[in-house]
Every structure is written in structure tokens, then in C-alpha cells.
Amino acid sequence: MDRRTFLAGAGALILAAPFAAEGQQAKKVYRIGYLSGSSAGFAPTSHEKFLQGLRDLGYVEGRDFVMEYRYAEGQHDRLPGLAADLVRAPVDVIVTIGTPATLAAMQATGTIPIVSPVAGFLVERGFVKSLAQPGGNVTGLTTQIGVLKLYQLLKEAAPKVTRVVYLYDPASQWGDSEGRLISAAKAANLEVQPVALRDPSNIELAFAEFRSGTNGLVLDRGTALQLKQDQICQLALQRRLPTAAFGRTFTDAGCLFYYGEDTDDMLHRAALFVDKIVKGAKPADLPVELATKYDLIINLKTAKALGLTIPPSLLQRADRVIQ
């Protein structure tokens, strides 16, 4: 090899070296925070639906992303600390399950993107400016079904119901919640008594507030109620109260029926928001989406125990019937 050929070859190697090194650089592994007010053991399918969404987009856990789970175990006062912990991690995006978790994440960071798959009424609560233009660091999907729909379905399932209690988690409410509950009840020809579950460790205390003549119960979708669903549904059955719920797992626990958005589908769809964000999209520019699937689940075993005959027209609309 002559000197000219050697120098040309050496130069080519030197020029190629940076490109080779660049090609050998490790691919970024995204760190995804998952913040929930619930318990890790309560609804394992929730995060599994989200993970399946990522897998369907081609992501492999451990290779493309790692998860940072934080659960408040029903203690909402823990959420701000858990959110701050994710910010310190730091994570590339935070997925928040429920209204209290979304609020805690917003208070912890104004820069890390937040994807909220299931929080209700994001615009009305002021979490985003509008569905089309969120405008901040929060986007995702939002539930929009109001309590009037549950009142109407409860009246259809149990026509004799006239006085209902709306049992709710105060951490998930906003603004004039009681005013909206009362107004919706009037539209459905019902009287309503809003009762806050202030001490989840003492469900009987909340039931003791029910006024005489109460003959129906509607349950909020709040985490505090979901973690105590077995006890709530059992007490409702003992009092012979037809019970409608926003949480789909309440029917498995013995409540009469559930109606609402298919939250499993919403969690699955949330993965697409995370995908867009890690590829460079800004949450402020990603329109908030609504549910496209809804569920009506009826527990016929409970209906029989209550002496109710569910109208065939309602049964025909059910997506699932528990015998």
C-alpha cells in the first residue's frame, strides 16, 4: 500500500468514527410516571390496559420505557408528595388516574407533560382551557356523563324510587357540586340528599346520615368509594336500596347497575397520547378526547334480592348482565 492510499484510508476511518459512535449510542429509554389515588392491588387491570396500549404501538417495557408507579392507597393527602417524587425522579411524562391525582400532578409541575385518561370534566374544572386547545401541560381523555343520566336509569329500573342519596368522595368534587346534584334530581322527578364520604374507614357513619324515606342510592366514581365498594353495596342491599354507580366494578360487588364510559378503552387510548408526547408533541396542542364506548351493566341477582323486575327494554340495552 502506498502512502497516498494509506492516508486516504485512515482519513475515511477517522471521518466515519463519529458516525459509528453515534449509531452505537444507547436508545433513550423513557421513564413514565403513573400516579393513582387507588391501591396497586385494587384494579390491576387499569395499568395493564394502559401498558397494552403501549405494546400495541410497538413499545417494549424495559427496552423502550420503564414505569414509575405511585399509589396513594386511598389517602388523597399522600398524592402531592407522590407527585413531587415523580417530578424528582425525573419522569418524561406523568399518567394520572382520577381527578385528585391529576390535580396533584398539576400542582407539582407545570413543565412535565401530564396525560389524564379518565378524569371527569377537565374543562369545567379548569384543568385545560378547552378540549380542542388544552393550552397547558395537561391533555388526555375526559369523562363527561352527568348524574342526570344515572338518575333517569335508576328511575327506569326502579320506578318507585323517589328519594335518593348521592354518596360522593369530596376530593373528586368541584364548584357547586351539591347545586348540580339537586338540579339534576329535580329534572328526573327525584329528591336528592348529597352525602359526603368523609371517613372511608367508617362507611356506617355516612349511611347514618341518610334521611328517613330514602329508597334509592347513587354512587360517585371517587376512589374512596371504589376501595370500599364491597361494604357499600352490602349495606345498600341490607337497606334494600336500589343502587346505581359510576364505577363499573360496583356491580360485581353487588350494586344494581353501572352506566358510564368504558374506562378500560380510555386507558388503552391514553397510550397514544404518551406516544405522541415522547415523539415531540406538546400537551398544549393535543386535543382532549371523549369516550367512544359506553357500558351498561345490570346485576340481576341483586334485582331479584330487591324484588325488582328490570324492564326488558333496559335489559336489551345492557352490555353485560350478571345473573
C-alpha atoms as a PDB file:
ATOM      1  CA  MET A   1       0.000   0.000   0.000  1.00  0.00           C
ATOM      2  CA  ASP A   2       1.494   3.389  -0.986  1.00  0.00           C
ATOM      3  CA  ARG A   3       1.494   6.382   1.353  1.00  0.00           C
ATOM      4  CA  ARG A   4      -1.349   8.179  -0.502  1.00  0.00           C
ATOM      5  CA  THR A   5      -3.676   5.158  -0.271  1.00  0.00           C
ATOM      6  CA  PHE A   6      -2.877   4.692   3.422  1.00  0.00           C
ATOM      7  CA  LEU A   7      -3.642   8.326   4.284  1.00  0.00           C
ATOM      8  CA  ALA A   8      -6.909   8.255   2.328  1.00  0.00           C
ATOM      9  CA  GLY A   9      -7.994   5.111   4.125  1.00  0.00           C
ATOM     10  CA  ALA A  10      -7.013   6.484   7.519  1.00  0.00           C
ATOM     11  CA  GLY A  11      -8.914   9.696   6.848  1.00  0.00           C
ATOM     12  CA  ALA A  12     -12.028   7.786   5.897  1.00  0.00           C
ATOM     13  CA  LEU A  13     -11.848   5.830   9.136  1.00  0.00           C
ATOM     14  CA  ILE A  14     -11.442   8.988  11.182  1.00  0.00           C
ATOM     15  CA  LEU A  15     -14.420  10.637   9.455  1.00  0.00           C
ATOM     16  CA  ALA A  16     -16.546   7.524   9.905  1.00  0.00           C
ATOM     17  CA  ALA A  17     -15.719   7.136  13.595  1.00  0.00           C
ATOM     18  CA  PRO A  18     -18.133   9.794  14.928  1.00  0.00           C
ATOM     19  CA  PHE A  19     -20.985   8.355  12.856  1.00  0.00           C
ATOM     20  CA  ALA A  20     -20.251   4.855  14.096  1.00  0.00           C
ATOM     21  CA  ALA A  21     -20.182   6.088  17.677  1.00  0.00           C
ATOM     22  CA  GLU A  22     -23.474   7.897  17.149  1.00  0.00           C
ATOM     23  CA  GLY A  23     -25.051   4.739  15.796  1.00  0.00           C
ATOM     24  CA  GLN A  24     -23.867   2.823  18.846  1.00  0.00           C
ATOM     25  CA  GLN A  25     -25.334   5.303  21.337  1.00  0.00           C
ATOM     26  CA  ALA A  26     -27.977   3.763  23.537  1.00  0.00           C
ATOM     27  CA  LYS A  27     -31.552   4.488  22.519  1.00  0.00           C
ATOM     28  CA  LYS A  28     -33.409   6.645  25.041  1.00  0.00           C
ATOM     29  CA  VAL A  29     -35.496   4.661  27.491  1.00  0.00           C
ATOM     30  CA  TYR A  30     -38.473   6.801  28.502  1.00  0.00           C
ATOM     31  CA  ARG A  31     -39.489   6.987  32.144  1.00  0.00           C
ATOM     32  CA  ILE A  32     -43.268   7.085  32.562  1.00  0.00           C
ATOM     33  CA  GLY A  33     -44.823   8.077  35.876  1.00  0.00           C
ATOM     34  CA  TYR A  34     -48.145   6.512  36.871  1.00  0.00           C
ATOM     35  CA  LEU A  35     -49.962   8.337  39.678  1.00  0.00           C
ATOM     36  CA  SER A  36     -53.149   6.940  41.206  1.00  0.00           C
ATOM     37  CA  GLY A  37     -55.156   7.632  44.329  1.00  0.00           C
ATOM     38  CA  SER A  38     -56.155   3.979  44.413  1.00  0.00           C
ATOM     39  CA  SER A  39     -54.357   0.839  45.520  1.00  0.00           C
ATOM     40  CA  ALA A  40     -52.000  -1.238  43.396  1.00  0.00           C
ATOM     41  CA  GLY A  41     -53.945  -4.364  44.276  1.00  0.00           C
ATOM     42  CA  PHE A  42     -57.423  -2.926  43.759  1.00  0.00           C
ATOM     43  CA  ALA A  43     -57.604  -2.682  39.992  1.00  0.00           C
ATOM     44  CA  PRO A  44     -54.525  -4.220  38.384  1.00  0.00           C
ATOM     45  CA  THR A  45     -56.294  -4.155  35.035  1.00  0.00           C
ATOM     46  CA  SER A  46     -56.160  -0.351  34.981  1.00  0.00           C
ATOM     47  CA  HIS A  47     -52.445  -0.040  34.401  1.00  0.00           C
ATOM     48  CA  GLU A  48     -52.483  -3.241  32.348  1.00  0.00           C
ATOM     49  CA  LYS A  49     -54.880  -1.639  29.837  1.00  0.00           C
ATOM     50  CA  PHE A  50     -52.516   1.313  29.519  1.00  0.00           C
ATOM     51  CA  LEU A  51     -49.490  -0.968  29.110  1.00  0.00           C
ATOM     52  CA  GLN A  52     -51.320  -2.962  26.450  1.00  0.00           C
ATOM     53  CA  GLY A  53     -51.907   0.275  24.584  1.00  0.00           C
ATOM     54  CA  LEU A  54     -48.167   0.937  24.558  1.00  0.00           C
ATOM     55  CA  ARG A  55     -47.436  -2.631  23.451  1.00  0.00           C
ATOM     56  CA  ASP A  56     -49.918  -2.282  20.596  1.00  0.00           C
ATOM     57  CA  LEU A  57     -47.926   0.744  19.440  1.00  0.00           C
ATOM     58  CA  GLY A  58     -44.730  -1.302  19.364  1.00  0.00           C
ATOM     59  CA  TYR A  59     -43.229  -0.302  22.714  1.00  0.00           C
ATOM     60  CA  VAL A  60     -41.458  -2.903  24.815  1.00  0.00           C
ATOM     61  CA  GLU A  61     -41.187  -2.372  28.558  1.00  0.00           C
ATOM     62  CA  GLY A  62     -37.564  -2.325  29.681  1.00  0.00           C
ATOM     63  CA  ARG A  63     -36.295  -1.654  26.166  1.00  0.00           C
ATOM     64  CA  ASP A  64     -38.276   1.480  25.271  1.00  0.00           C
ATOM     65  CA  PHE A  65     -39.736   2.585  28.597  1.00  0.00           C
ATOM     66  CA  VAL A  66     -39.819   1.915  32.319  1.00  0.00           C
ATOM     67  CA  MET A  67     -42.720   2.609  34.658  1.00  0.00           C
ATOM     68  CA  GLU A  68     -42.632   4.518  37.931  1.00  0.00           C
ATOM     69  CA  TYR A  69     -45.781   3.589  39.873  1.00  0.00           C
ATOM     70  CA  ARG A  70     -47.077   5.673  42.768  1.00  0.00           C
ATOM     71  CA  TYR A  71     -50.282   4.682  44.587  1.00  0.00           C
ATOM     72  CA  ALA A  72     -51.873   6.690  47.399  1.00  0.00           C
ATOM     73  CA  GLU A  73     -53.822   3.680  48.722  1.00  0.00           C
ATOM     74  CA  GLY A  74     -56.973   5.776  49.059  1.00  0.00           C
ATOM     75  CA  GLN A  75     -55.244   8.502  51.069  1.00  0.00           C
ATOM     76  CA  HIS A  76     -55.545  11.584  48.880  1.00  0.00           C
ATOM     77  CA  ASP A  77     -53.341  13.647  51.190  1.00  0.00           C
ATOM     78  CA  ARG A  78     -50.426  11.479  50.014  1.00  0.00           C
ATOM     79  CA  LEU A  79     -50.839  12.435  46.359  1.00  0.00           C
ATOM     80  CA  PRO A  80     -48.910  15.755  46.429  1.00  0.00           C
ATOM     81  CA  GLY A  81     -45.857  14.012  47.910  1.00  0.00           C
ATOM     82  CA  LEU A  82     -46.066  11.160  45.419  1.00  0.00           C
ATOM     83  CA  ALA A  83     -46.408  13.607  42.529  1.00  0.00           C
ATOM     84  CA  ALA A  84     -43.368  15.554  43.755  1.00  0.00           C
ATOM     85  CA  ASP A  85     -41.452  12.274  43.946  1.00  0.00           C
ATOM     86  CA  LEU A  86     -42.175  11.573  40.270  1.00  0.00           C
ATOM     87  CA  VAL A  87     -41.007  15.065  39.344  1.00  0.00           C
ATOM     88  CA  ARG A  88     -37.737  14.462  41.193  1.00  0.00           C
ATOM     89  CA  ALA A  89     -37.246  11.053  39.526  1.00  0.00           C
ATOM     90  CA  PRO A  90     -37.481  12.674  36.940  1.00  0.00           C
ATOM     91  CA  VAL A  91     -40.035  11.198  34.566  1.00  0.00           C
ATOM     92  CA  ASP A  92     -40.684  12.180  30.951  1.00  0.00           C
ATOM     93  CA  VAL A  93     -44.479  12.107  31.296  1.00  0.00           C
ATOM     94  CA  ILE A  94     -46.977  11.503  34.113  1.00  0.00           C
ATOM     95  CA  VAL A  95     -50.132   9.430  33.595  1.00  0.00           C
ATOM     96  CA  THR A  96     -52.711  10.358  36.244  1.00  0.00           C
ATOM     97  CA  ILE A  97     -55.655   8.213  37.284  1.00  0.00           C
ATOM     98  CA  GLY A  98     -58.563  10.297  38.531  1.00  0.00           C
ATOM     99  CA  THR A  99     -59.225  13.916  39.393  1.00  0.00           C
ATOM    100  CA  PRO A 100     -57.259  14.182  42.679  1.00  0.00           C
ATOM    101  CA  ALA A 101     -54.177  12.616  41.072  1.00  0.00           C
ATOM    102  CA  THR A 102     -54.383  14.973  38.082  1.00  0.00           C
ATOM    103  CA  LEU A 103     -54.683  17.990  40.367  1.00  0.00           C
ATOM    104  CA  ALA A 104     -51.711  16.849  42.458  1.00  0.00           C
ATOM    105  CA  ALA A 105     -49.559  16.399  39.346  1.00  0.00           C
ATOM    106  CA  MET A 106     -50.532  19.848  38.047  1.00  0.00           C
ATOM    107  CA  GLN A 107     -49.542  21.416  41.349  1.00  0.00           C
ATOM    108  CA  ALA A 108     -46.208  19.554  41.298  1.00  0.00           C
ATOM    109  CA  THR A 109     -45.127  20.541  37.784  1.00  0.00           C
ATOM    110  CA  GLY A 110     -46.000  22.986  35.048  1.00  0.00           C
ATOM    111  CA  THR A 111     -43.498  21.579  32.579  1.00  0.00           C
ATOM    112  CA  ILE A 112     -43.612  17.761  32.627  1.00  0.00           C
ATOM    113  CA  PRO A 113     -46.431  16.561  30.317  1.00  0.00           C
ATOM    114  CA  ILE A 114     -49.441  15.075  32.117  1.00  0.00           C
ATOM    115  CA  VAL A 115     -51.790  12.594  30.423  1.00  0.00           C
ATOM    116  CA  SER A 116     -55.097  12.117  32.244  1.00  0.00           C
ATOM    117  CA  PRO A 117     -57.039   9.121  30.845  1.00  0.00           C
ATOM    118  CA  VAL A 118     -60.198   9.175  32.965  1.00  0.00           C
ATOM    119  CA  ALA A 119     -60.608  12.383  34.995  1.00  0.00           C
ATOM    120  CA  GLY A 120     -64.006  13.983  34.607  1.00  0.00           C
ATOM    121  CA  PHE A 121     -64.907  17.391  33.193  1.00  0.00           C
ATOM    122  CA  LEU A 122     -61.362  18.666  32.579  1.00  0.00           C
ATOM    123  CA  VAL A 123     -62.591  21.926  31.038  1.00  0.00           C
ATOM    124  CA  GLU A 124     -65.173  22.668  33.721  1.00  0.00           C
ATOM    125  CA  ARG A 125     -62.624  22.043  36.451  1.00  0.00           C
ATOM    126  CA  GLY A 126     -60.152  24.414  34.777  1.00  0.00           C
ATOM    127  CA  PHE A 127     -57.532  21.723  34.154  1.00  0.00           C
ATOM    128  CA  VAL A 128     -57.471  22.609  30.442  1.00  0.00           C
ATOM    129  CA  LYS A 129     -58.595  25.717  28.571  1.00  0.00           C
ATOM    130  CA  SER A 130     -60.669  23.807  26.034  1.00  0.00           C
ATOM    131  CA  LEU A 131     -60.979  20.340  24.560  1.00  0.00           C
ATOM    132  CA  ALA A 132     -59.527  21.486  21.233  1.00  0.00           C
ATOM    133  CA  GLN A 133     -56.674  23.555  22.707  1.00  0.00           C
ATOM    134  CA  PRO A 134     -55.730  22.375  26.225  1.00  0.00           C
ATOM    135  CA  GLY A 135     -53.154  25.163  26.458  1.00  0.00           C
ATOM    136  CA  GLY A 136     -51.027  23.826  29.308  1.00  0.00           C
ATOM    137  CA  ASN A 137     -49.151  20.663  30.221  1.00  0.00           C
ATOM    138  CA  VAL A 138     -52.297  18.520  30.653  1.00  0.00           C
ATOM    139  CA  THR A 139     -54.126  16.539  27.973  1.00  0.00           C
ATOM    140  CA  GLY A 140     -55.714  13.109  27.560  1.00  0.00           C
ATOM    141  CA  LEU A 141     -59.292  11.920  27.783  1.00  0.00           C
ATOM    142  CA  THR A 142     -62.174  13.040  29.963  1.00  0.00           C
ATOM    143  CA  THR A 143     -65.444  11.603  31.240  1.00  0.00           C
ATOM    144  CA  GLN A 144     -68.494  13.775  30.589  1.00  0.00           C
ATOM    145  CA  ILE A 145     -71.558  11.775  31.667  1.00  0.00           C
ATOM    146  CA  GLY A 146     -73.526  13.739  34.236  1.00  0.00           C
ATOM    147  CA  VAL A 147     -75.511  12.401  37.173  1.00  0.00           C
ATOM    148  CA  LEU A 148     -78.860  13.081  35.463  1.00  0.00           C
ATOM    149  CA  LYS A 149     -78.348  10.010  33.263  1.00  0.00           C
ATOM    150  CA  LEU A 150     -77.902   7.782  36.323  1.00  0.00           C
ATOM    151  CA  TYR A 151     -80.977   9.272  37.982  1.00  0.00           C
ATOM    152  CA  GLN A 152     -83.024   8.552  34.871  1.00  0.00           C
ATOM    153  CA  LEU A 153     -81.803   4.969  34.550  1.00  0.00           C
ATOM    154  CA  LEU A 154     -82.408   4.322  38.250  1.00  0.00           C
ATOM    155  CA  LYS A 155     -85.950   5.608  37.871  1.00  0.00           C
ATOM    156  CA  GLU A 156     -86.423   3.323  34.867  1.00  0.00           C
ATOM    157  CA  ALA A 157     -85.077   0.280  36.732  1.00  0.00           C
ATOM    158  CA  ALA A 158     -86.951   1.027  39.952  1.00  0.00           C
ATOM    159  CA  PRO A 159     -89.961   3.283  39.216  1.00  0.00           C
ATOM    160  CA  LYS A 160     -90.942   3.557  42.903  1.00  0.00           C
ATOM    161  CA  VAL A 161     -87.718   5.364  43.777  1.00  0.00           C
ATOM    162  CA  THR A 162     -88.481   8.955  44.790  1.00  0.00           C
ATOM    163  CA  ARG A 163     -85.811   9.930  47.330  1.00  0.00           C
ATOM    164  CA  VAL A 164     -82.166   9.174  46.631  1.00  0.00           C
ATOM    165  CA  VAL A 165     -78.873   9.746  48.356  1.00  0.00           C
ATOM    166  CA  TYR A 166     -75.866  10.712  46.233  1.00  0.00           C
ATOM    167  CA  LEU A 167     -72.853   9.342  48.107  1.00  0.00           C
ATOM    168  CA  TYR A 168     -69.657  11.017  46.949  1.00  0.00           C
ATOM    169  CA  ASP A 169     -65.947  11.422  47.577  1.00  0.00           C
ATOM    170  CA  PRO A 170     -65.449  15.109  48.462  1.00  0.00           C
ATOM    171  CA  ALA A 171     -61.946  15.046  46.928  1.00  0.00           C
ATOM    172  CA  SER A 172     -63.434  14.423  43.470  1.00  0.00           C
ATOM    173  CA  GLN A 173     -65.985  17.261  43.513  1.00  0.00           C
ATOM    174  CA  TRP A 174     -65.624  20.871  42.401  1.00  0.00           C
ATOM    175  CA  GLY A 175     -67.564  24.125  42.498  1.00  0.00           C
ATOM    176  CA  ASP A 176     -71.251  23.969  43.369  1.00  0.00           C
ATOM    177  CA  SER A 177     -71.479  20.176  43.271  1.00  0.00           C
ATOM    178  CA  GLU A 178     -74.497  19.940  45.534  1.00  0.00           C
ATOM    179  CA  GLY A 179     -76.366  22.512  43.456  1.00  0.00           C
ATOM    180  CA  ARG A 180     -75.799  20.475  40.291  1.00  0.00           C
ATOM    181  CA  LEU A 181     -76.871  17.253  42.027  1.00  0.00           C
ATOM    182  CA  ILE A 182     -80.105  18.810  43.275  1.00  0.00           C
ATOM    183  CA  SER A 183     -80.897  20.428  39.916  1.00  0.00           C
ATOM    184  CA  ALA A 184     -80.383  17.139  38.051  1.00  0.00           C
ATOM    185  CA  ALA A 185     -82.567  15.284  40.553  1.00  0.00           C
ATOM    186  CA  LYS A 186     -85.420  17.731  40.008  1.00  0.00           C
ATOM    187  CA  ALA A 187     -85.147  17.141  36.256  1.00  0.00           C
ATOM    188  CA  ALA A 188     -85.610  13.415  36.932  1.00  0.00           C
ATOM    189  CA  ASN A 189     -88.520  13.989  39.375  1.00  0.00           C
ATOM    190  CA  LEU A 190     -86.436  12.866  42.338  1.00  0.00           C
ATOM    191  CA  GLU A 191     -85.441  14.321  45.668  1.00  0.00           C
ATOM    192  CA  VAL A 192     -81.736  14.015  46.416  1.00  0.00           C
ATOM    193  CA  GLN A 193     -79.643  14.218  49.565  1.00  0.00           C
ATOM    194  CA  PRO A 194     -75.924  14.654  48.860  1.00  0.00           C
ATOM    195  CA  VAL A 195     -73.822  12.823  51.465  1.00  0.00           C
ATOM    196  CA  ALA A 196     -70.028  13.098  51.556  1.00  0.00           C
ATOM    197  CA  LEU A 197     -67.950  10.064  52.488  1.00  0.00           C
ATOM    198  CA  ARG A 198     -65.584  11.995  54.741  1.00  0.00           C
ATOM    199  CA  ASP A 199     -64.248   8.974  56.634  1.00  0.00           C
ATOM    200  CA  PRO A 200     -63.759   5.963  54.324  1.00  0.00           C
ATOM    201  CA  SER A 201     -62.908   3.833  57.366  1.00  0.00           C
ATOM    202  CA  ASN A 202     -66.431   4.359  58.717  1.00  0.00           C
ATOM    203  CA  ILE A 203     -68.986   3.659  55.988  1.00  0.00           C
ATOM    204  CA  GLU A 204     -71.752   3.158  58.563  1.00  0.00           C
ATOM    205  CA  LEU A 205     -71.327   6.780  59.661  1.00  0.00           C
ATOM    206  CA  ALA A 206     -72.163   8.022  56.167  1.00  0.00           C
ATOM    207  CA  PHE A 207     -75.171   5.680  55.913  1.00  0.00           C
ATOM    208  CA  ALA A 208     -76.387   7.005  59.271  1.00  0.00           C
ATOM    209  CA  GLU A 209     -76.848  10.402  57.591  1.00  0.00           C
ATOM    210  CA  PHE A 210     -79.438   9.042  55.149  1.00  0.00           C
ATOM    211  CA  ARG A 211     -82.797  10.675  55.771  1.00  0.00           C
ATOM    212  CA  SER A 212     -85.885   8.686  56.586  1.00  0.00           C
ATOM    213  CA  GLY A 213     -87.708   7.663  53.430  1.00  0.00           C
ATOM    214  CA  THR A 214     -84.566   7.228  51.322  1.00  0.00           C
ATOM    215  CA  ASN A 215     -85.334   4.495  48.777  1.00  0.00           C
ATOM    216  CA  GLY A 216     -82.504   4.820  46.264  1.00  0.00           C
ATOM    217  CA  LEU A 217     -78.740   5.356  46.167  1.00  0.00           C
ATOM    218  CA  VAL A 218     -76.367   6.776  43.552  1.00  0.00           C
ATOM    219  CA  LEU A 219     -72.606   6.366  43.914  1.00  0.00           C
ATOM    220  CA  ASP A 220     -69.885   8.733  42.773  1.00  0.00           C
ATOM    221  CA  ARG A 221     -66.904   7.332  40.854  1.00  0.00           C
ATOM    222  CA  GLY A 222     -64.431   8.558  43.501  1.00  0.00           C
ATOM    223  CA  THR A 223     -61.559   6.358  44.631  1.00  0.00           C
ATOM    224  CA  ALA A 224     -62.606   6.377  48.285  1.00  0.00           C
ATOM    225  CA  LEU A 225     -65.916   4.742  47.372  1.00  0.00           C
ATOM    226  CA  GLN A 226     -64.363   2.221  44.988  1.00  0.00           C
ATOM    227  CA  LEU A 227     -61.951   0.962  47.641  1.00  0.00           C
ATOM    228  CA  LYS A 228     -64.933   0.334  49.943  1.00  0.00           C
ATOM    229  CA  GLN A 229     -67.340  -0.920  47.285  1.00  0.00           C
ATOM    230  CA  ASP A 230     -67.977  -4.332  48.862  1.00  0.00           C
ATOM    231  CA  GLN A 231     -69.086  -2.813  52.151  1.00  0.00           C
ATOM    232  CA  ILE A 232     -71.112  -0.054  50.482  1.00  0.00           C
ATOM    233  CA  CYS A 233     -73.008  -2.449  48.217  1.00  0.00           C
ATOM    234  CA  GLN A 234     -73.628  -4.848  51.112  1.00  0.00           C
ATOM    235  CA  LEU A 235     -75.079  -2.102  53.293  1.00  0.00           C
ATOM    236  CA  ALA A 236     -77.201  -0.851  50.392  1.00  0.00           C
ATOM    237  CA  LEU A 237     -78.610  -4.348  49.878  1.00  0.00           C
ATOM    238  CA  GLN A 238     -79.329  -4.722  53.595  1.00  0.00           C
ATOM    239  CA  ARG A 239     -81.306  -1.465  53.451  1.00  0.00           C
ATOM    240  CA  ARG A 240     -82.983  -2.623  50.240  1.00  0.00           C
ATOM    241  CA  LEU A 241     -81.730   0.389  48.317  1.00  0.00           C
ATOM    242  CA  PRO A 242     -81.530   0.071  44.516  1.00  0.00           C
ATOM    243  CA  THR A 243     -78.077   1.447  43.778  1.00  0.00           C
ATOM    244  CA  ALA A 244     -76.690   2.995  40.604  1.00  0.00           C
ATOM    245  CA  ALA A 245     -72.966   3.591  40.279  1.00  0.00           C
ATOM    246  CA  PHE A 246     -70.481   5.414  38.071  1.00  0.00           C
ATOM    247  CA  GLY A 247     -67.834   2.750  38.798  1.00  0.00           C
ATOM    248  CA  ARG A 248     -68.166  -0.454  36.737  1.00  0.00           C
ATOM    249  CA  THR A 249     -66.759  -2.723  39.468  1.00  0.00           C
ATOM    250  CA  PHE A 250     -69.626  -1.817  41.820  1.00  0.00           C
ATOM    251  CA  THR A 251     -71.964  -4.218  40.031  1.00  0.00           C
ATOM    252  CA  ASP A 252     -69.623  -7.136  40.711  1.00  0.00           C
ATOM    253  CA  ALA A 253     -69.692  -6.055  44.364  1.00  0.00           C
ATOM    254  CA  GLY A 254     -73.494  -6.355  44.422  1.00  0.00           C
ATOM    255  CA  CYS A 255     -74.893  -2.968  43.406  1.00  0.00           C
ATOM    256  CA  LEU A 256     -77.816  -2.920  40.984  1.00  0.00           C
ATOM    257  CA  PHE A 257     -76.273  -1.340  37.888  1.00  0.00           C
ATOM    258  CA  TYR A 258     -73.488   0.710  36.391  1.00  0.00           C
ATOM    259  CA  TYR A 259     -73.582   3.107  33.482  1.00  0.00           C
ATOM    260  CA  GLY A 260     -70.692   5.135  32.154  1.00  0.00           C
ATOM    261  CA  GLU A 261     -67.724   5.410  29.874  1.00  0.00           C
ATOM    262  CA  ASP A 262     -65.650   2.340  29.060  1.00  0.00           C
ATOM    263  CA  THR A 263     -62.643   3.377  31.141  1.00  0.00           C
ATOM    264  CA  ASP A 264     -60.599   0.360  30.027  1.00  0.00           C
ATOM    265  CA  ASP A 265     -60.805   1.657  26.468  1.00  0.00           C
ATOM    266  CA  MET A 266     -59.868   5.165  27.621  1.00  0.00           C
ATOM    267  CA  LEU A 267     -56.794   3.851  29.440  1.00  0.00           C
ATOM    268  CA  HIS A 268     -55.788   1.948  26.330  1.00  0.00           C
ATOM    269  CA  ARG A 269     -56.181   5.077  24.193  1.00  0.00           C
ATOM    270  CA  ALA A 270     -54.099   7.131  26.644  1.00  0.00           C
ATOM    271  CA  ALA A 271     -51.020   5.280  25.382  1.00  0.00           C
ATOM    272  CA  LEU A 272     -51.334   7.115  22.049  1.00  0.00           C
ATOM    273  CA  PHE A 273     -51.024  10.462  23.851  1.00  0.00           C
ATOM    274  CA  VAL A 274     -47.846   9.279  25.556  1.00  0.00           C
ATOM    275  CA  ASP A 275     -46.522   8.066  22.191  1.00  0.00           C
ATOM    276  CA  LYS A 276     -47.116  11.464  20.589  1.00  0.00           C
ATOM    277  CA  ILE A 277     -45.553  13.321  23.507  1.00  0.00           C
ATOM    278  CA  VAL A 278     -42.319  11.314  23.591  1.00  0.00           C
ATOM    279  CA  LYS A 279     -42.064  11.898  19.834  1.00  0.00           C
ATOM    280  CA  GLY A 280     -42.124  15.656  20.395  1.00  0.00           C
ATOM    281  CA  ALA A 281     -45.782  16.752  20.538  1.00  0.00           C
ATOM    282  CA  LYS A 282     -46.771  19.337  23.158  1.00  0.00           C
ATOM    283  CA  PRO A 283     -49.702  18.592  25.504  1.00  0.00           C
ATOM    284  CA  ALA A 284     -50.992  22.119  24.880  1.00  0.00           C
ATOM    285  CA  ASP A 285     -51.574  21.195  21.227  1.00  0.00           C
ATOM    286  CA  LEU A 286     -53.071  17.707  21.698  1.00  0.00           C
ATOM    287  CA  PRO A 287     -56.885  17.933  21.809  1.00  0.00           C
ATOM    288  CA  VAL A 288     -58.573  16.243  24.759  1.00  0.00           C
ATOM    289  CA  GLU A 289     -60.735  13.343  23.592  1.00  0.00           C
ATOM    290  CA  LEU A 290     -64.046  11.930  24.821  1.00  0.00           C
ATOM    291  CA  ALA A 291     -65.101   8.341  25.304  1.00  0.00           C
ATOM    292  CA  THR A 292     -66.343   6.459  22.264  1.00  0.00           C
ATOM    293  CA  LYS A 293     -67.571   3.366  24.141  1.00  0.00           C
ATOM    294  CA  TYR A 294     -70.075   3.132  26.997  1.00  0.00           C
ATOM    295  CA  ASP A 295     -71.183   0.320  29.295  1.00  0.00           C
ATOM    296  CA  LEU A 296     -74.460  -0.580  30.948  1.00  0.00           C
ATOM    297  CA  ILE A 297     -74.044  -3.457  33.408  1.00  0.00           C
ATOM    298  CA  ILE A 298     -77.012  -4.825  35.365  1.00  0.00           C
ATOM    299  CA  ASN A 299     -76.855  -7.200  38.331  1.00  0.00           C
ATOM    300  CA  LEU A 300     -79.998  -9.355  38.032  1.00  0.00           C
ATOM    301  CA  LYS A 301     -79.115 -11.279  41.187  1.00  0.00           C
ATOM    302  CA  THR A 302     -79.347  -8.026  43.135  1.00  0.00           C
ATOM    303  CA  ALA A 303     -82.544  -7.056  41.340  1.00  0.00           C
ATOM    304  CA  LYS A 304     -84.172 -10.322  42.462  1.00  0.00           C
ATOM    305  CA  ALA A 305     -82.990  -9.810  46.033  1.00  0.00           C
ATOM    306  CA  LEU A 306     -84.607  -6.362  45.977  1.00  0.00           C
ATOM    307  CA  GLY A 307     -87.820  -7.704  44.457  1.00  0.00           C
ATOM    308  CA  LEU A 308     -87.342  -5.705  41.279  1.00  0.00           C
ATOM    309  CA  THR A 309     -88.303  -6.712  37.768  1.00  0.00           C
ATOM    310  CA  ILE A 310     -85.975  -4.952  35.378  1.00  0.00           C
ATOM    311  CA  PRO A 311     -87.861  -3.779  32.258  1.00  0.00           C
ATOM    312  CA  PRO A 312     -86.985  -5.840  29.151  1.00  0.00           C
ATOM    313  CA  SER A 313     -86.215  -2.616  27.285  1.00  0.00           C
ATOM    314  CA  LEU A 314     -83.472  -1.853  29.799  1.00  0.00           C
ATOM    315  CA  LEU A 315     -82.098  -5.398  29.751  1.00  0.00           C
ATOM    316  CA  GLN A 316     -81.866  -5.305  25.972  1.00  0.00           C
ATOM    317  CA  ARG A 317     -79.641  -2.230  26.187  1.00  0.00           C
ATOM    318  CA  ALA A 318     -77.289  -3.818  28.702  1.00  0.00           C
ATOM    319  CA  ASP A 319     -73.757  -4.690  27.588  1.00  0.00           C
ATOM    320  CA  ARG A 320     -73.481  -7.227  30.382  1.00  0.00           C
ATOM    321  CA  VAL A 321     -75.976  -8.888  32.727  1.00  0.00           C
ATOM    322  CA  ILE A 322     -74.846 -10.522  35.970  1.00  0.00           C
ATOM    323  CA  GLN A 323     -77.106 -13.494  36.685  1.00  0.00           C
END
